[in-house]
Protein backbone atom coordinates (compact mmCIF):
# COMPACT_ATOMS: atom_id res chain seq x y z
CA MET A 1 301.36 144.14 -107.45
CA VAL A 2 298.10 142.20 -106.99
CA GLY A 3 295.97 143.74 -104.05
CA ALA A 4 294.69 141.81 -101.03
CA ASP A 5 291.01 142.42 -101.99
CA PHE A 6 291.55 140.97 -105.35
CA VAL A 7 293.19 137.84 -103.97
CA ALA A 8 290.49 137.33 -101.40
CA GLU A 9 287.72 137.81 -104.23
CA TYR A 10 289.71 135.15 -106.33
CA ARG A 11 289.82 132.74 -103.50
CA ARG A 12 286.07 133.16 -102.84
CA ILE A 13 285.34 132.64 -106.45
CA VAL A 14 287.62 129.47 -106.75
CA SER A 15 286.06 128.06 -103.64
CA ARG A 16 282.61 128.36 -104.97
CA ILE A 17 283.47 126.81 -108.16
CA GLY A 18 285.07 123.98 -106.34
CA LEU A 19 282.02 123.45 -104.28
CA VAL A 20 279.73 123.36 -107.42
CA GLU A 21 282.03 121.03 -109.01
CA ALA A 22 282.09 118.79 -105.99
CA ILE A 23 278.18 118.81 -105.79
CA GLY A 24 278.07 117.65 -109.58
CA GLY A 25 280.93 115.38 -109.29
CA THR A 26 279.34 113.36 -106.45
CA GLY A 27 276.52 112.32 -108.92
CA VAL A 28 274.34 111.30 -105.99
CA VAL A 29 272.70 113.66 -103.23
CA VAL A 30 270.53 112.18 -100.68
CA SER A 31 267.83 114.18 -98.74
CA VAL A 32 267.75 113.23 -94.95
CA ARG A 33 264.63 113.65 -93.08
CA ALA A 34 264.54 112.34 -89.58
CA SER A 35 262.76 113.35 -86.23
CA ASP A 36 265.72 114.47 -84.29
CA ALA A 37 269.48 115.45 -84.88
CA GLY A 38 270.78 112.16 -83.44
CA LEU A 39 268.69 110.11 -86.21
CA VAL A 40 269.96 112.52 -88.87
CA ARG A 41 273.66 112.09 -87.99
CA ARG A 42 273.33 108.26 -87.63
CA THR A 43 271.43 108.13 -91.13
CA ALA A 44 274.17 110.37 -92.66
CA ALA A 45 276.94 108.14 -91.18
CA ALA A 46 275.17 105.05 -92.69
CA LEU A 47 274.98 106.86 -96.01
CA ALA A 48 278.68 107.92 -95.96
CA GLU A 49 279.51 104.33 -95.19
CA GLY A 50 277.62 103.50 -98.44
CA GLY A 51 279.80 105.99 -100.41
CA VAL A 52 277.31 108.88 -100.36
CA ARG A 53 279.41 112.00 -100.23
CA ALA A 54 276.55 114.81 -100.38
CA VAL A 55 273.44 114.94 -98.30
CA GLU A 56 270.68 117.75 -97.98
CA LEU A 57 268.97 118.53 -94.58
CA SER A 58 265.78 120.43 -94.16
CA PHE A 59 265.94 123.84 -92.84
CA ASP A 60 263.26 123.06 -90.21
CA SER A 61 265.21 120.01 -89.07
CA ILE A 62 268.20 122.08 -87.99
CA GLY A 63 266.32 124.21 -85.38
CA GLU A 64 268.41 124.65 -82.33
CA GLU A 65 271.00 122.04 -83.74
CA SER A 66 273.25 124.51 -85.59
CA ARG A 67 276.24 122.46 -85.02
CA LEU A 68 274.85 119.48 -86.94
CA VAL A 69 275.88 120.81 -90.27
CA GLN A 70 279.45 121.44 -89.24
CA THR A 71 279.57 118.05 -87.54
CA LEU A 72 278.66 116.17 -90.75
CA ARG A 73 281.06 118.28 -92.75
CA ASP A 74 283.90 117.41 -90.17
CA GLU A 75 282.86 113.75 -91.15
CA GLY A 76 283.61 114.31 -94.72
CA LEU A 77 280.34 115.05 -96.21
CA THR A 78 279.12 117.83 -98.40
CA VAL A 79 276.28 119.32 -96.68
CA GLY A 80 273.45 121.31 -98.00
CA VAL A 81 270.19 122.75 -96.54
CA GLY A 82 267.02 122.67 -98.37
CA GLY A 83 263.51 124.27 -97.72
CA VAL A 84 264.95 127.67 -97.69
CA THR A 85 262.57 130.29 -98.84
CA ARG A 86 263.99 133.60 -97.76
CA ALA A 87 267.26 135.56 -98.10
CA SER A 88 267.60 135.63 -94.28
CA GLN A 89 267.39 131.80 -94.06
CA ALA A 90 269.91 131.56 -96.75
CA ARG A 91 272.30 133.70 -94.85
CA GLU A 92 271.65 131.90 -91.69
CA VAL A 93 272.44 128.41 -93.18
CA ALA A 94 275.51 129.77 -94.87
CA MET A 95 276.88 131.25 -91.68
CA ILE A 96 276.61 127.72 -89.80
CA GLY A 97 278.78 126.20 -92.64
CA ALA A 98 276.28 124.82 -95.28
CA ASP A 99 278.07 123.97 -98.49
CA PHE A 100 274.95 124.72 -100.63
CA VAL A 101 271.42 126.05 -100.24
CA ALA A 102 268.38 124.55 -101.88
CA THR A 103 264.97 125.78 -102.33
CA ALA A 104 261.82 124.18 -103.77
CA VAL A 105 260.81 127.57 -105.29
CA ALA A 106 262.50 130.06 -107.69
CA ALA A 107 263.53 132.65 -105.20
CA PRO A 108 265.55 135.49 -106.68
CA ASP A 109 266.32 136.89 -103.20
CA VAL A 110 267.76 133.55 -102.04
CA VAL A 111 270.11 133.46 -105.13
CA ALA A 112 271.37 136.96 -104.41
CA ALA A 113 271.99 136.11 -100.64
CA CYS A 114 273.84 132.94 -101.78
CA GLY A 115 275.91 135.09 -104.17
CA GLU A 116 276.77 137.51 -101.26
CA MET A 117 277.78 134.53 -99.05
CA ASP A 118 279.55 132.51 -101.70
CA VAL A 119 277.41 129.49 -101.44
CA PRO A 120 276.19 127.43 -104.30
CA CYS A 121 272.31 127.81 -104.82
CA ILE A 122 269.98 125.13 -106.18
CA LEU A 123 266.66 126.24 -107.25
CA SER A 124 263.76 124.12 -108.39
CA GLY A 125 261.74 124.28 -111.57
CA LEU A 126 259.65 122.02 -113.94
CA THR A 127 258.61 123.69 -116.97
CA PRO A 128 261.18 125.02 -119.60
CA THR A 129 260.32 128.39 -118.74
CA GLU A 130 260.80 127.87 -114.90
CA VAL A 131 264.11 126.26 -115.53
CA TRP A 132 265.32 129.03 -117.84
CA ARG A 133 264.27 131.56 -115.32
CA ALA A 134 266.19 129.87 -112.54
CA LEU A 135 269.23 129.79 -114.74
CA GLU A 136 268.87 133.38 -115.61
CA MET A 137 268.51 134.29 -111.92
CA GLY A 138 271.99 132.54 -111.43
CA ALA A 139 271.24 129.18 -109.93
CA ASP A 140 274.15 127.03 -109.79
CA PHE A 141 271.80 123.96 -110.36
CA VAL A 142 268.22 123.53 -110.96
CA LYS A 143 266.31 120.62 -109.35
CA ILE A 144 263.59 118.77 -111.36
CA ARG A 145 261.11 116.42 -110.09
CA ALA A 146 260.70 114.83 -113.60
CA GLU A 147 259.08 111.66 -112.52
CA VAL A 148 255.78 113.15 -112.20
CA LEU A 149 256.05 114.28 -116.02
CA GLY A 150 257.41 111.17 -117.58
CA GLY A 151 260.77 110.53 -115.99
CA PRO A 152 263.93 110.53 -118.15
CA ARG A 153 261.98 111.07 -121.21
CA TYR A 154 261.05 114.59 -119.68
CA ILE A 155 264.66 115.35 -118.83
CA ARG A 156 265.44 114.54 -122.55
CA SER A 157 262.63 116.58 -123.95
CA LEU A 158 263.60 119.59 -121.62
CA ARG A 159 267.17 119.44 -122.83
CA GLU A 160 266.05 119.31 -126.36
CA ALA A 161 263.74 122.38 -125.98
CA LEU A 162 266.39 124.16 -123.88
CA PRO A 163 269.85 123.23 -124.88
CA VAL A 164 271.50 125.82 -122.63
CA ALA A 165 270.02 124.10 -119.46
CA ARG A 166 273.08 122.54 -117.61
CA ARG A 167 273.54 121.58 -114.01
CA LEU A 168 270.29 119.65 -113.91
CA ILE A 169 269.44 117.61 -110.78
CA ALA A 170 266.86 114.83 -111.06
CA ALA A 171 265.14 114.94 -107.65
CA GLU A 172 263.14 112.36 -105.92
CA VAL A 173 264.30 109.66 -108.20
CA PRO A 174 263.06 106.00 -107.66
CA ILE A 175 265.34 103.36 -106.15
CA GLU A 176 264.83 101.31 -109.36
CA GLY A 177 265.44 102.63 -112.89
CA TYR A 178 267.56 105.71 -111.84
CA LEU A 179 270.45 105.33 -114.20
CA PRO A 180 268.21 106.36 -117.29
CA TYR A 181 267.97 110.00 -115.82
CA LEU A 182 271.82 110.32 -116.39
CA GLU A 183 271.55 109.45 -120.02
CA PRO A 184 269.68 112.61 -121.09
CA GLY A 185 271.93 114.85 -119.25
CA ALA A 186 270.94 115.08 -115.51
CA GLU A 187 274.26 115.87 -113.78
CA ALA A 188 273.31 114.45 -110.36
CA LEU A 189 270.36 112.31 -108.90
CA GLU A 190 268.84 113.22 -105.69
CA PHE A 191 267.29 110.47 -103.69
CA GLY A 192 264.86 110.93 -100.80
CA GLY A 193 262.48 108.34 -99.13
CA SER A 194 263.06 105.84 -102.03
CA LEU A 195 266.54 105.34 -100.73
CA VAL A 196 266.19 106.34 -97.10
CA HIS A 197 262.82 105.13 -96.25
CA PRO A 198 261.43 106.40 -93.01
CA GLY A 199 260.81 102.87 -91.74
CA LEU A 200 264.68 101.88 -91.96
CA ILE A 201 265.45 105.04 -89.95
CA GLU A 202 262.83 104.15 -87.27
CA ARG A 203 264.02 100.57 -86.91
CA GLY A 204 267.65 101.67 -87.10
CA GLU A 205 268.47 99.45 -90.08
CA TRP A 206 271.66 101.24 -90.68
CA ALA A 207 273.37 98.37 -92.58
CA GLU A 208 270.44 98.16 -94.92
CA ILE A 209 270.70 101.98 -95.49
CA SER A 210 274.65 101.45 -96.18
CA ARG A 211 273.83 98.73 -98.62
CA ARG A 212 271.25 100.41 -100.59
CA ALA A 213 273.39 103.44 -100.80
CA SER A 214 276.47 101.57 -101.93
CA LYS A 215 274.47 99.85 -104.71
CA VAL A 216 273.38 103.26 -106.13
CA VAL A 217 276.71 104.83 -105.80
CA ASN A 218 278.51 102.00 -107.42
CA ALA A 219 276.02 101.83 -110.24
CA CYS A 220 276.40 105.67 -110.89
CA ASP A 221 280.17 105.54 -110.91
CA GLU A 222 280.15 102.49 -113.21
CA TRP A 223 277.85 104.46 -115.54
CA LYS A 224 279.90 107.60 -115.61
CA ALA A 225 283.19 105.55 -115.93
CA LYS A 226 281.53 103.98 -119.09
CA ARG A 227 280.52 107.27 -120.32
CA ASP A 228 283.86 108.92 -119.97
CA GLY A 229 286.02 105.99 -120.95
CA PRO A 230 288.23 105.81 -124.06
CA ASP A 231 285.54 104.35 -126.30
CA SER A 232 283.07 107.04 -125.46
């Protein structure tokens, strides 16, 4: 007879795998930065209206608004928290319901804490060595700001130099010319100010944010459909 501990562990593993697949499956993650929780929520709602299913908030922006993560999750979004640098912070955001944790550095203690809390972890890297180390630490994804080193060509050269590199997220991609990042193997694209420009948030141009989001999501969905089609 299968023990209760085994069943609980199995469910935790399946849940985490499901979250990892959900993050990769969205294809688009948007980093949301705003001056207060109300604007964050309104921006996230506009993005969701445009078809975005995953957003990343900053650790500093949560502050006293610990309910914000769960509120956005209740509205159907996959919600991560970035800017995490310490294990204690990773545990904190996991406790308030974050679907994933992201950090701009390669922090092994953050990976370990995410493992303890069964929350997917996204580390950042740039060089082949940094990406390899992040994967060796157990990161579920590695975020790469490839634009500063040649854009899609850098993703391609990285994959050629490091064939084992999977689960790559091209971060801070431009609002124009983002599809070429998918071709060499980026599993998802993360947009920041290029899609959600601070000026749009300040002026409350929610319809424009939704329009821009919809254009990106539809283009990525069409690209993936062609890639996975019967003639691929």
